[in-house]
Amino acid sequence: MKYKILILVGVVFLITFYVTRDTIFAQGGNPFGGRITYREVCACSNNMYLRVSAPRGGEFMYQPGHTKLYEFGQIRENIWLLGLWQGQQVCRQPSGDGCHTVHTGNLIRMTGTSR
C-alpha cells in the first residue's frame, strides 16, 4: 500500500513538472531570474538595460509597452525578477553626433518583481 501511494505521488509530480514546463515555453520565452545588480535608463531607445545576478541571470532589456510587468512592478537595483525573455534589444544613448548603441540584452517578455 505504501509503495502504491509513493508511486502515485511520484507520477503526479512528474506530470505536474512536465505540464508546467511546457506551459512556460508555450508562452514564448526563455526563463530567467535573479537580483537586479545594475540598471541604466536608455534615453534614445526609451527602455532600460538591466544586469541580473544568479541563479539565472544575464543582461536584459526592459521595454515599456512590450514587457508585461506583474505585481509590485519595481524595476530598480536590488529587486528580484522572475520571468521570460525572447529575442534581443539594444540600449541607445545620446552622444555628440546622435545616438549610439551602448548595450545589447535579452528582451524581457514578462516579469514579476519582489517588493
PDB file of N, CA and C in Angstrom:
ATOM      1  N   MET A   1       0.825  -1.198   0.000  1.00  0.00           N
ATOM      2  CA  MET A   1       0.000   0.000   0.000  1.00  0.00           C
ATOM      3  C   MET A   1       0.868   1.261   0.000  1.00  0.00           C
ATOM      4  N   LYS A   2       1.952   1.267   0.849  1.00  0.00           N
ATOM      5  CA  LYS A   2       2.838   2.418   0.906  1.00  0.00           C
ATOM      6  C   LYS A   2       3.468   2.692  -0.444  1.00  0.00           C
ATOM      7  N   TYR A   3       3.906   1.642  -1.111  1.00  0.00           N
ATOM      8  CA  TYR A   3       4.586   1.796  -2.380  1.00  0.00           C
ATOM      9  C   TYR A   3       3.651   2.334  -3.462  1.00  0.00           C
ATOM     10  N   LYS A   4       2.391   1.931  -3.414  1.00  0.00           N
ATOM     11  CA  LYS A   4       1.422   2.441  -4.389  1.00  0.00           C
ATOM     12  C   LYS A   4       1.221   3.943  -4.217  1.00  0.00           C
ATOM     13  N   ILE A   5       1.161   4.394  -2.969  1.00  0.00           N
ATOM     14  CA  ILE A   5       0.999   5.829  -2.690  1.00  0.00           C
ATOM     15  C   ILE A   5       2.239   6.596  -3.148  1.00  0.00           C
ATOM     16  N   LEU A   6       3.427   6.070  -2.856  1.00  0.00           N
ATOM     17  CA  LEU A   6       4.663   6.720  -3.282  1.00  0.00           C
ATOM     18  C   LEU A   6       4.756   6.795  -4.806  1.00  0.00           C
ATOM     19  N   ILE A   7       4.387   5.733  -5.472  1.00  0.00           N
ATOM     20  CA  ILE A   7       4.394   5.726  -6.937  1.00  0.00           C
ATOM     21  C   ILE A   7       3.390   6.734  -7.473  1.00  0.00           C
ATOM     22  N   LEU A   8       2.208   6.796  -6.895  1.00  0.00           N
ATOM     23  CA  LEU A   8       1.189   7.754  -7.319  1.00  0.00           C
ATOM     24  C   LEU A   8       1.670   9.188  -7.130  1.00  0.00           C
ATOM     25  N   VAL A   9       2.271   9.485  -5.970  1.00  0.00           N
ATOM     26  CA  VAL A   9       2.797  10.823  -5.714  1.00  0.00           C
ATOM     27  C   VAL A   9       3.893  11.157  -6.730  1.00  0.00           C
ATOM     28  N   GLY A  10       4.770  10.208  -7.007  1.00  0.00           N
ATOM     29  CA  GLY A  10       5.837  10.422  -7.987  1.00  0.00           C
ATOM     30  C   GLY A  10       5.292  10.692  -9.383  1.00  0.00           C
ATOM     31  N   VAL A  11       4.297   9.951  -9.788  1.00  0.00           N
ATOM     32  CA  VAL A  11       3.696  10.149 -11.115  1.00  0.00           C
ATOM     33  C   VAL A  11       3.025  11.517 -11.198  1.00  0.00           C
ATOM     34  N   VAL A  12       2.297  11.904 -10.167  1.00  0.00           N
ATOM     35  CA  VAL A  12       1.643  13.222 -10.151  1.00  0.00           C
ATOM     36  C   VAL A  12       2.695  14.329 -10.221  1.00  0.00           C
ATOM     37  N   PHE A  13       3.792  14.184  -9.483  1.00  0.00           N
ATOM     38  CA  PHE A  13       4.865  15.170  -9.530  1.00  0.00           C
ATOM     39  C   PHE A  13       5.430  15.290 -10.944  1.00  0.00           C
ATOM     40  N   LEU A  14       5.744  14.176 -11.568  1.00  0.00           N
ATOM     41  CA  LEU A  14       6.323  14.213 -12.916  1.00  0.00           C
ATOM     42  C   LEU A  14       5.371  14.831 -13.929  1.00  0.00           C
ATOM     43  N   ILE A  15       4.115  14.490 -13.860  1.00  0.00           N
ATOM     44  CA  ILE A  15       3.130  15.071 -14.781  1.00  0.00           C
ATOM     45  C   ILE A  15       3.029  16.578 -14.563  1.00  0.00           C
ATOM     46  N   THR A  16       2.959  16.997 -13.305  1.00  0.00           N
ATOM     47  CA  THR A  16       2.885  18.429 -12.998  1.00  0.00           C
ATOM     48  C   THR A  16       4.114  19.157 -13.507  1.00  0.00           C
ATOM     49  N   PHE A  17       5.292  18.585 -13.313  1.00  0.00           N
ATOM     50  CA  PHE A  17       6.531  19.206 -13.779  1.00  0.00           C
ATOM     51  C   PHE A  17       6.512  19.386 -15.294  1.00  0.00           C
ATOM     52  N   TYR A  18       6.174  18.345 -16.032  1.00  0.00           N
ATOM     53  CA  TYR A  18       6.204  18.442 -17.495  1.00  0.00           C
ATOM     54  C   TYR A  18       5.121  19.359 -18.041  1.00  0.00           C
ATOM     55  N   VAL A  19       3.940  19.369 -17.451  1.00  0.00           N
ATOM     56  CA  VAL A  19       2.869  20.263 -17.907  1.00  0.00           C
ATOM     57  C   VAL A  19       3.262  21.709 -17.647  1.00  0.00           C
ATOM     58  N   THR A  20       3.797  22.009 -16.471  1.00  0.00           N
ATOM     59  CA  THR A  20       4.211  23.373 -16.143  1.00  0.00           C
ATOM     60  C   THR A  20       5.332  23.828 -17.053  1.00  0.00           C
ATOM     61  N   ARG A  21       6.315  22.983 -17.280  1.00  0.00           N
ATOM     62  CA  ARG A  21       7.436  23.329 -18.149  1.00  0.00           C
ATOM     63  C   ARG A  21       6.943  23.635 -19.558  1.00  0.00           C
ATOM     64  N   ASP A  22       6.064  22.810 -20.097  1.00  0.00           N
ATOM     65  CA  ASP A  22       5.540  23.047 -21.432  1.00  0.00           C
ATOM     66  C   ASP A  22       4.721  24.327 -21.493  1.00  0.00           C
ATOM     67  N   THR A  23       3.981  24.647 -20.437  1.00  0.00           N
ATOM     68  CA  THR A  23       3.202  25.873 -20.396  1.00  0.00           C
ATOM     69  C   THR A  23       4.112  27.089 -20.422  1.00  0.00           C
ATOM     70  N   ILE A  24       5.211  27.044 -19.671  1.00  0.00           N
ATOM     71  CA  ILE A  24       6.154  28.160 -19.658  1.00  0.00           C
ATOM     72  C   ILE A  24       6.717  28.393 -21.046  1.00  0.00           C
ATOM     73  N   PHE A  25       7.176  27.342 -21.710  1.00  0.00           N
ATOM     74  CA  PHE A  25       7.765  27.512 -23.029  1.00  0.00           C
ATOM     75  C   PHE A  25       6.715  27.846 -24.080  1.00  0.00           C
ATOM     76  N   ALA A  26       5.465  27.453 -23.859  1.00  0.00           N
ATOM     77  CA  ALA A  26       4.386  27.813 -24.787  1.00  0.00           C
ATOM     78  C   ALA A  26       4.107  29.306 -24.747  1.00  0.00           C
ATOM     79  N   GLN A  27       4.464  29.966 -23.644  1.00  0.00           N
ATOM     80  CA  GLN A  27       4.278  31.407 -23.537  1.00  0.00           C
ATOM     81  C   GLN A  27       5.218  32.146 -24.484  1.00  0.00           C
ATOM     82  N   GLY A  28       6.202  31.464 -25.011  1.00  0.00           N
ATOM     83  CA  GLY A  28       7.111  32.076 -25.966  1.00  0.00           C
ATOM     84  C   GLY A  28       8.277  32.776 -25.324  1.00  0.00           C
ATOM     85  N   GLY A  29       9.069  32.051 -24.585  1.00  0.00           N
ATOM     86  CA  GLY A  29      10.229  32.686 -23.993  1.00  0.00           C
ATOM     87  C   GLY A  29      11.102  31.733 -23.225  1.00  0.00           C
ATOM     88  N   ASN A  30      12.221  32.277 -22.814  1.00  0.00           N
ATOM     89  CA  ASN A  30      13.204  31.542 -22.024  1.00  0.00           C
ATOM     90  C   ASN A  30      13.153  32.052 -20.589  1.00  0.00           C
ATOM     91  N   PRO A  31      13.167  31.163 -19.610  1.00  0.00           N
ATOM     92  CA  PRO A  31      13.068  31.610 -18.222  1.00  0.00           C
ATOM     93  C   PRO A  31      14.356  32.279 -17.737  1.00  0.00           C
ATOM     94  N   PHE A  32      14.203  33.240 -16.842  1.00  0.00           N
ATOM     95  CA  PHE A  32      15.321  33.889 -16.178  1.00  0.00           C
ATOM     96  C   PHE A  32      14.881  34.301 -14.785  1.00  0.00           C
ATOM     97  N   GLY A  33      15.845  34.606 -13.934  1.00  0.00           N
ATOM     98  CA  GLY A  33      15.508  35.072 -12.605  1.00  0.00           C
ATOM     99  C   GLY A  33      16.753  35.389 -11.809  1.00  0.00           C
ATOM    100  N   GLY A  34      16.672  36.430 -11.019  1.00  0.00           N
ATOM    101  CA  GLY A  34      17.783  36.849 -10.182  1.00  0.00           C
ATOM    102  C   GLY A  34      17.554  38.267  -9.682  1.00  0.00           C
ATOM    103  N   ARG A  35      18.585  38.822  -9.058  1.00  0.00           N
ATOM    104  CA  ARG A  35      18.512  40.168  -8.485  1.00  0.00           C
ATOM    105  C   ARG A  35      19.108  41.169  -9.459  1.00  0.00           C
ATOM    106  N   ILE A  36      18.457  42.327  -9.606  1.00  0.00           N
ATOM    107  CA  ILE A  36      18.992  43.388 -10.453  1.00  0.00           C
ATOM    108  C   ILE A  36      20.210  43.986  -9.745  1.00  0.00           C
ATOM    109  N   THR A  37      21.375  43.882 -10.382  1.00  0.00           N
ATOM    110  CA  THR A  37      22.592  44.426  -9.788  1.00  0.00           C
ATOM    111  C   THR A  37      22.987  45.762 -10.420  1.00  0.00           C
ATOM    112  N   TYR A  38      22.454  46.047 -11.608  1.00  0.00           N
ATOM    113  CA  TYR A  38      22.757  47.314 -12.291  1.00  0.00           C
ATOM    114  C   TYR A  38      21.591  47.661 -13.202  1.00  0.00           C
ATOM    115  N   ARG A  39      21.245  48.950 -13.233  1.00  0.00           N
ATOM    116  CA  ARG A  39      20.152  49.423 -14.090  1.00  0.00           C
ATOM    117  C   ARG A  39      20.604  50.715 -14.748  1.00  0.00           C
ATOM    118  N   GLU A  40      20.313  50.824 -16.045  1.00  0.00           N
ATOM    119  CA  GLU A  40      20.646  52.042 -16.782  1.00  0.00           C
ATOM    120  C   GLU A  40      19.467  52.419 -17.683  1.00  0.00           C
ATOM    121  N   VAL A  41      18.978  53.635 -17.533  1.00  0.00           N
ATOM    122  CA  VAL A  41      17.897  54.137 -18.387  1.00  0.00           C
ATOM    123  C   VAL A  41      18.518  54.540 -19.728  1.00  0.00           C
ATOM    124  N   CYS A  42      17.942  54.059 -20.805  1.00  0.00           N
ATOM    125  CA  CYS A  42      18.457  54.298 -22.154  1.00  0.00           C
ATOM    126  C   CYS A  42      17.632  55.411 -22.792  1.00  0.00           C
ATOM    127  N   ALA A  43      18.223  56.594 -22.902  1.00  0.00           N
ATOM    128  CA  ALA A  43      17.495  57.796 -23.315  1.00  0.00           C
ATOM    129  C   ALA A  43      16.988  57.735 -24.755  1.00  0.00           C
ATOM    130  N   CYS A  44      17.791  57.268 -25.690  1.00  0.00           N
ATOM    131  CA  CYS A  44      17.380  57.270 -27.097  1.00  0.00           C
ATOM    132  C   CYS A  44      16.402  56.153 -27.441  1.00  0.00           C
ATOM    133  N   SER A  45      16.568  55.002 -26.832  1.00  0.00           N
ATOM    134  CA  SER A  45      15.716  53.861 -27.166  1.00  0.00           C
ATOM    135  C   SER A  45      14.528  53.704 -26.215  1.00  0.00           C
ATOM    136  N   ASN A  46      14.410  54.577 -25.244  1.00  0.00           N
ATOM    137  CA  ASN A  46      13.279  54.571 -24.294  1.00  0.00           C
ATOM    138  C   ASN A  46      13.044  53.207 -23.657  1.00  0.00           C
ATOM    139  N   ASN A  47      14.112  52.610 -23.139  1.00  0.00           N
ATOM    140  CA  ASN A  47      13.995  51.349 -22.429  1.00  0.00           C
ATOM    141  C   ASN A  47      15.031  51.333 -21.306  1.00  0.00           C
ATOM    142  N   MET A  48      15.222  50.185 -20.661  1.00  0.00           N
ATOM    143  CA  MET A  48      16.189  50.074 -19.572  1.00  0.00           C
ATOM    144  C   MET A  48      17.040  48.833 -19.753  1.00  0.00           C
ATOM    145  N   TYR A  49      18.327  49.019 -19.540  1.00  0.00           N
ATOM    146  CA  TYR A  49      19.277  47.912 -19.538  1.00  0.00           C
ATOM    147  C   TYR A  49      19.406  47.430 -18.103  1.00  0.00           C
ATOM    148  N   LEU A  50      19.295  46.106 -17.898  1.00  0.00           N
ATOM    149  CA  LEU A  50      19.386  45.516 -16.563  1.00  0.00           C
ATOM    150  C   LEU A  50      20.433  44.410 -16.548  1.00  0.00           C
ATOM    151  N   ARG A  51      21.267  44.421 -15.541  1.00  0.00           N
ATOM    152  CA  ARG A  51      22.178  43.302 -15.303  1.00  0.00           C
ATOM    153  C   ARG A  51      21.587  42.532 -14.138  1.00  0.00           C
ATOM    154  N   VAL A  52      21.333  41.243 -14.336  1.00  0.00           N
ATOM    155  CA  VAL A  52      20.665  40.397 -13.343  1.00  0.00           C
ATOM    156  C   VAL A  52      21.627  39.303 -12.883  1.00  0.00           C
ATOM    157  N   SER A  53      21.686  39.091 -11.563  1.00  0.00           N
ATOM    158  CA  SER A  53      22.590  38.095 -10.977  1.00  0.00           C
ATOM    159  C   SER A  53      22.001  36.692 -11.063  1.00  0.00           C
ATOM    160  N   ALA A  54      22.768  35.726 -10.566  1.00  0.00           N
ATOM    161  CA  ALA A  54      22.326  34.337 -10.481  1.00  0.00           C
ATOM    162  C   ALA A  54      21.084  34.246  -9.589  1.00  0.00           C
ATOM    163  N   PRO A  55      20.274  33.242  -9.715  1.00  0.00           N
ATOM    164  CA  PRO A  55      20.613  31.942 -10.253  1.00  0.00           C
ATOM    165  C   PRO A  55      20.498  31.821 -11.768  1.00  0.00           C
ATOM    166  N   ARG A  56      19.724  32.631 -12.430  1.00  0.00           N
ATOM    167  CA  ARG A  56      19.595  32.544 -13.888  1.00  0.00           C
ATOM    168  C   ARG A  56      19.637  33.952 -14.445  1.00  0.00           C
ATOM    169  N   GLY A  57      20.801  34.561 -14.362  1.00  0.00           N
ATOM    170  CA  GLY A  57      20.950  35.969 -14.707  1.00  0.00           C
ATOM    171  C   GLY A  57      21.460  36.206 -16.104  1.00  0.00           C
ATOM    172  N   GLY A  58      21.917  37.435 -16.310  1.00  0.00           N
ATOM    173  CA  GLY A  58      22.445  37.852 -17.602  1.00  0.00           C
ATOM    174  C   GLY A  58      22.167  39.321 -17.822  1.00  0.00           C
ATOM    175  N   GLU A  59      22.219  39.740 -19.078  1.00  0.00           N
ATOM    176  CA  GLU A  59      21.937  41.118 -19.466  1.00  0.00           C
ATOM    177  C   GLU A  59      20.580  41.146 -20.155  1.00  0.00           C
ATOM    178  N   PHE A  60      19.699  42.025 -19.666  1.00  0.00           N
ATOM    179  CA  PHE A  60      18.319  42.059 -20.135  1.00  0.00           C
ATOM    180  C   PHE A  60      17.881  43.480 -20.437  1.00  0.00           C
ATOM    181  N   MET A  61      16.864  43.595 -21.272  1.00  0.00           N
ATOM    182  CA  MET A  61      16.282  44.888 -21.616  1.00  0.00           C
ATOM    183  C   MET A  61      14.818  44.886 -21.216  1.00  0.00           C
ATOM    184  N   TYR A  62      14.427  45.889 -20.441  1.00  0.00           N
ATOM    185  CA  TYR A  62      13.025  46.123 -20.087  1.00  0.00           C
ATOM    186  C   TYR A  62      12.492  47.173 -21.052  1.00  0.00           C
ATOM    187  N   GLN A  63      11.445  46.833 -21.803  1.00  0.00           N
ATOM    188  CA  GLN A  63      10.883  47.725 -22.821  1.00  0.00           C
ATOM    189  C   GLN A  63       9.438  48.062 -22.461  1.00  0.00           C
ATOM    190  N   PRO A  64       9.183  49.282 -21.916  1.00  0.00           N
ATOM    191  CA  PRO A  64       7.800  49.668 -21.618  1.00  0.00           C
ATOM    192  C   PRO A  64       6.929  49.537 -22.869  1.00  0.00           C
ATOM    193  N   GLY A  65       5.736  49.015 -22.684  1.00  0.00           N
ATOM    194  CA  GLY A  65       4.827  48.808 -23.806  1.00  0.00           C
ATOM    195  C   GLY A  65       4.969  47.436 -24.437  1.00  0.00           C
ATOM    196  N   HIS A  66       6.102  46.798 -24.236  1.00  0.00           N
ATOM    197  CA  HIS A  66       6.312  45.440 -24.743  1.00  0.00           C
ATOM    198  C   HIS A  66       6.393  44.436 -23.595  1.00  0.00           C
ATOM    199  N   THR A  67       7.170  44.771 -22.567  1.00  0.00           N
ATOM    200  CA  THR A  67       7.337  43.888 -21.417  1.00  0.00           C
ATOM    201  C   THR A  67       6.099  43.961 -20.539  1.00  0.00           C
ATOM    202  N   LYS A  68       5.504  42.803 -20.273  1.00  0.00           N
ATOM    203  CA  LYS A  68       4.366  42.743 -19.349  1.00  0.00           C
ATOM    204  C   LYS A  68       4.923  42.657 -17.937  1.00  0.00           C
ATOM    205  N   LEU A  69       4.580  43.647 -17.122  1.00  0.00           N
ATOM    206  CA  LEU A  69       5.108  43.751 -15.765  1.00  0.00           C
ATOM    207  C   LEU A  69       4.015  43.385 -14.767  1.00  0.00           C
ATOM    208  N   TYR A  70       4.280  42.358 -13.965  1.00  0.00           N
ATOM    209  CA  TYR A  70       3.308  41.888 -12.987  1.00  0.00           C
ATOM    210  C   TYR A  70       3.518  42.546 -11.629  1.00  0.00           C
ATOM    211  N   GLU A  71       2.729  42.095 -10.666  1.00  0.00           N
ATOM    212  CA  GLU A  71       2.625  42.703  -9.336  1.00  0.00           C
ATOM    213  C   GLU A  71       3.947  43.179  -8.747  1.00  0.00           C
ATOM    214  N   PHE A  72       3.865  44.257  -8.031  1.00  0.00           N
ATOM    215  CA  PHE A  72       4.907  45.032  -7.366  1.00  0.00           C
ATOM    216  C   PHE A  72       5.640  45.933  -8.353  1.00  0.00           C
ATOM    217  N   GLY A  73       5.781  45.558  -9.598  1.00  0.00           N
ATOM    218  CA  GLY A  73       6.258  46.417 -10.676  1.00  0.00           C
ATOM    219  C   GLY A  73       7.439  47.315 -10.391  1.00  0.00           C
ATOM    220  N   GLN A  74       8.439  46.815  -9.724  1.00  0.00           N
ATOM    221  CA  GLN A  74       9.598  47.640  -9.398  1.00  0.00           C
ATOM    222  C   GLN A  74      10.785  47.220 -10.245  1.00  0.00           C
ATOM    223  N   ILE A  75      11.263  48.114 -11.066  1.00  0.00           N
ATOM    224  CA  ILE A  75      12.447  47.845 -11.874  1.00  0.00           C
ATOM    225  C   ILE A  75      13.542  48.770 -11.357  1.00  0.00           C
ATOM    226  N   ARG A  76      14.255  48.292 -10.327  1.00  0.00           N
ATOM    227  CA  ARG A  76      15.353  49.065  -9.751  1.00  0.00           C
ATOM    228  C   ARG A  76      16.362  48.100  -9.140  1.00  0.00           C
ATOM    229  N   GLU A  77      17.528  48.612  -8.784  1.00  0.00           N
ATOM    230  CA  GLU A  77      18.578  47.756  -8.243  1.00  0.00           C
ATOM    231  C   GLU A  77      18.143  47.082  -6.943  1.00  0.00           C
ATOM    232  N   ASN A  78      18.671  45.886  -6.730  1.00  0.00           N
ATOM    233  CA  ASN A  78      18.432  45.042  -5.550  1.00  0.00           C
ATOM    234  C   ASN A  78      17.028  44.456  -5.474  1.00  0.00           C
ATOM    235  N   ILE A  79      16.272  44.530  -6.548  1.00  0.00           N
ATOM    236  CA  ILE A  79      14.959  43.892  -6.629  1.00  0.00           C
ATOM    237  C   ILE A  79      15.126  42.577  -7.387  1.00  0.00           C
ATOM    238  N   TRP A  80      14.390  41.563  -6.961  1.00  0.00           N
ATOM    239  CA  TRP A  80      14.452  40.252  -7.624  1.00  0.00           C
ATOM    240  C   TRP A  80      13.414  40.182  -8.733  1.00  0.00           C
ATOM    241  N   LEU A  81      13.819  39.618  -9.869  1.00  0.00           N
ATOM    242  CA  LEU A  81      12.940  39.418 -11.025  1.00  0.00           C
ATOM    243  C   LEU A  81      12.795  37.929 -11.302  1.00  0.00           C
ATOM    244  N   LEU A  82      11.666  37.559 -11.876  1.00  0.00           N
ATOM    245  CA  LEU A  82      11.437  36.213 -12.371  1.00  0.00           C
ATOM    246  C   LEU A  82      10.549  36.365 -13.590  1.00  0.00           C
ATOM    247  N   GLY A  83      10.951  35.790 -14.715  1.00  0.00           N
ATOM    248  CA  GLY A  83      10.136  35.956 -15.902  1.00  0.00           C
ATOM    249  C   GLY A  83      10.658  35.203 -17.105  1.00  0.00           C
ATOM    250  N   LEU A  84      10.227  35.673 -18.279  1.00  0.00           N
ATOM    251  CA  LEU A  84      10.599  35.079 -19.560  1.00  0.00           C
ATOM    252  C   LEU A  84      11.174  36.147 -20.473  1.00  0.00           C
ATOM    253  N   TRP A  85      12.158  35.779 -21.270  1.00  0.00           N
ATOM    254  CA  TRP A  85      12.707  36.687 -22.272  1.00  0.00           C
ATOM    255  C   TRP A  85      12.656  36.011 -23.634  1.00  0.00           C
ATOM    256  N   GLN A  86      12.630  36.845 -24.679  1.00  0.00           N
ATOM    257  CA  GLN A  86      12.625  36.314 -26.040  1.00  0.00           C
ATOM    258  C   GLN A  86      13.192  37.381 -26.961  1.00  0.00           C
ATOM    259  N   GLY A  87      14.237  37.055 -27.672  1.00  0.00           N
ATOM    260  CA  GLY A  87      14.839  37.982 -28.616  1.00  0.00           C
ATOM    261  C   GLY A  87      15.845  38.919 -27.963  1.00  0.00           C
ATOM    262  N   GLN A  88      16.314  39.864 -28.757  1.00  0.00           N
ATOM    263  CA  GLN A  88      17.333  40.816 -28.313  1.00  0.00           C
ATOM    264  C   GLN A  88      16.833  42.243 -28.499  1.00  0.00           C
ATOM    265  N   GLN A  89      17.404  43.155 -27.749  1.00  0.00           N
ATOM    266  CA  GLN A  89      17.081  44.580 -27.846  1.00  0.00           C
ATOM    267  C   GLN A  89      18.355  45.359 -27.538  1.00  0.00           C
ATOM    268  N   VAL A  90      18.419  46.599 -27.992  1.00  0.00           N
ATOM    269  CA  VAL A  90      19.600  47.428 -27.746  1.00  0.00           C
ATOM    270  C   VAL A  90      19.248  48.599 -26.836  1.00  0.00           C
ATOM    271  N   CYS A  91      20.273  49.099 -26.154  1.00  0.00           N
ATOM    272  CA  CYS A  91      20.193  50.312 -25.352  1.00  0.00           C
ATOM    273  C   CYS A  91      20.977  51.376 -26.114  1.00  0.00           C
ATOM    274  N   ARG A  92      20.306  52.459 -26.471  1.00  0.00           N
ATOM    275  CA  ARG A  92      20.954  53.543 -27.217  1.00  0.00           C
ATOM    276  C   ARG A  92      20.977  54.798 -26.356  1.00  0.00           C
ATOM    277  N   GLN A  93      22.157  55.427 -26.314  1.00  0.00           N
ATOM    278  CA  GLN A  93      22.362  56.632 -25.526  1.00  0.00           C
ATOM    279  C   GLN A  93      22.832  57.759 -26.435  1.00  0.00           C
ATOM    280  N   PRO A  94      22.461  59.008 -26.083  1.00  0.00           N
ATOM    281  CA  PRO A  94      22.902  60.137 -26.900  1.00  0.00           C
ATOM    282  C   PRO A  94      24.414  60.360 -26.780  1.00  0.00           C
ATOM    283  N   SER A  95      24.986  60.804 -27.879  1.00  0.00           N
ATOM    284  CA  SER A  95      26.390  61.221 -27.876  1.00  0.00           C
ATOM    285  C   SER A  95      26.497  62.453 -28.769  1.00  0.00           C
ATOM    286  N   GLY A  96      27.681  62.934 -28.978  1.00  0.00           N
ATOM    287  CA  GLY A  96      27.872  64.185 -29.707  1.00  0.00           C
ATOM    288  C   GLY A  96      27.200  64.262 -31.063  1.00  0.00           C
ATOM    289  N   ASP A  97      27.163  63.174 -31.805  1.00  0.00           N
ATOM    290  CA  ASP A  97      26.611  63.215 -33.161  1.00  0.00           C
ATOM    291  C   ASP A  97      25.387  62.315 -33.337  1.00  0.00           C
ATOM    292  N   GLY A  98      24.576  62.169 -32.310  1.00  0.00           N
ATOM    293  CA  GLY A  98      23.360  61.355 -32.407  1.00  0.00           C
ATOM    294  C   GLY A  98      23.285  60.339 -31.287  1.00  0.00           C
ATOM    295  N   CYS A  99      22.713  59.190 -31.603  1.00  0.00           N
ATOM    296  CA  CYS A  99      22.556  58.114 -30.622  1.00  0.00           C
ATOM    297  C   CYS A  99      23.406  56.917 -31.024  1.00  0.00           C
ATOM    298  N   HIS A 100      23.985  56.271 -30.016  1.00  0.00           N
ATOM    299  CA  HIS A 100      24.820  55.107 -30.270  1.00  0.00           C
ATOM    300  C   HIS A 100      24.415  53.957 -29.353  1.00  0.00           C
ATOM    301  N   THR A 101      24.552  52.730 -29.859  1.00  0.00           N
ATOM    302  CA  THR A 101      24.263  51.539 -29.070  1.00  0.00           C
ATOM    303  C   THR A 101      25.373  51.335 -28.048  1.00  0.00           C
ATOM    304  N   VAL A 102      24.987  51.231 -26.771  1.00  0.00           N
ATOM    305  CA  VAL A 102      25.965  51.024 -25.704  1.00  0.00           C
ATOM    306  C   VAL A 102      25.817  49.651 -25.027  1.00  0.00           C
ATOM    307  N   HIS A 103      24.627  49.043 -25.121  1.00  0.00           N
ATOM    308  CA  HIS A 103      24.394  47.721 -24.540  1.00  0.00           C
ATOM    309  C   HIS A 103      23.443  46.946 -25.443  1.00  0.00           C
ATOM    310  N   THR A 104      23.553  45.634 -25.391  1.00  0.00           N
ATOM    311  CA  THR A 104      22.598  44.730 -26.018  1.00  0.00           C
ATOM    312  C   THR A 104      22.194  43.724 -24.958  1.00  0.00           C
ATOM    313  N   GLY A 105      20.904  43.376 -24.916  1.00  0.00           N
ATOM    314  CA  GLY A 105      20.449  42.416 -23.917  1.00  0.00           C
ATOM    315  C   GLY A 105      19.253  41.627 -24.388  1.00  0.00           C
ATOM    316  N   ASN A 106      18.920  40.604 -23.638  1.00  0.00           N
ATOM    317  CA  ASN A 106      17.744  39.781 -23.919  1.00  0.00           C
ATOM    318  C   ASN A 106      16.494  40.589 -23.593  1.00  0.00           C
ATOM    319  N   LEU A 107      15.551  40.618 -24.512  1.00  0.00           N
ATOM    320  CA  LEU A 107      14.326  41.390 -24.346  1.00  0.00           C
ATOM    321  C   LEU A 107      13.352  40.652 -23.424  1.00  0.00           C
ATOM    322  N   ILE A 108      13.019  41.283 -22.305  1.00  0.00           N
ATOM    323  CA  ILE A 108      12.102  40.677 -21.338  1.00  0.00           C
ATOM    324  C   ILE A 108      10.687  40.724 -21.904  1.00  0.00           C
ATOM    325  N   ARG A 109      10.059  39.570 -21.960  1.00  0.00           N
ATOM    326  CA  ARG A 109       8.675  39.464 -22.431  1.00  0.00           C
ATOM    327  C   ARG A 109       7.682  39.709 -21.311  1.00  0.00           C
ATOM    328  N   MET A 110       7.951  39.076 -20.151  1.00  0.00           N
ATOM    329  CA  MET A 110       7.101  39.277 -18.989  1.00  0.00           C
ATOM    330  C   MET A 110       7.926  39.010 -17.737  1.00  0.00           C
ATOM    331  N   THR A 111       7.597  39.745 -16.664  1.00  0.00           N
ATOM    332  CA  THR A 111       8.338  39.571 -15.422  1.00  0.00           C
ATOM    333  C   THR A 111       7.509  40.005 -14.228  1.00  0.00           C
ATOM    334  N   GLY A 112       7.817  39.419 -13.105  1.00  0.00           N
ATOM    335  CA  GLY A 112       7.273  39.830 -11.828  1.00  0.00           C
ATOM    336  C   GLY A 112       8.431  40.212 -10.936  1.00  0.00           C
ATOM    337  N   THR A 113       8.197  41.050  -9.952  1.00  0.00           N
ATOM    338  CA  THR A 113       9.275  41.523  -9.096  1.00  0.00           C
ATOM    339  C   THR A 113       8.950  41.312  -7.620  1.00  0.00           C
ATOM    340  N   SER A 114      10.001  41.385  -6.803  1.00  0.00           N
ATOM    341  CA  SER A 114       9.801  41.350  -5.355  1.00  0.00           C
ATOM    342  C   SER A 114       9.365  42.730  -4.890  1.00  0.00           C
ATOM    343  N   ARG A 115       9.042  42.848  -3.621  1.00  0.00           N
ATOM    344  CA  ARG A 115       8.576  44.128  -3.085  1.00  0.00           C
ATOM    345  C   ARG A 115       9.660  45.110  -3.016  1.00  0.00           C
TER     346      ARG A 115
END
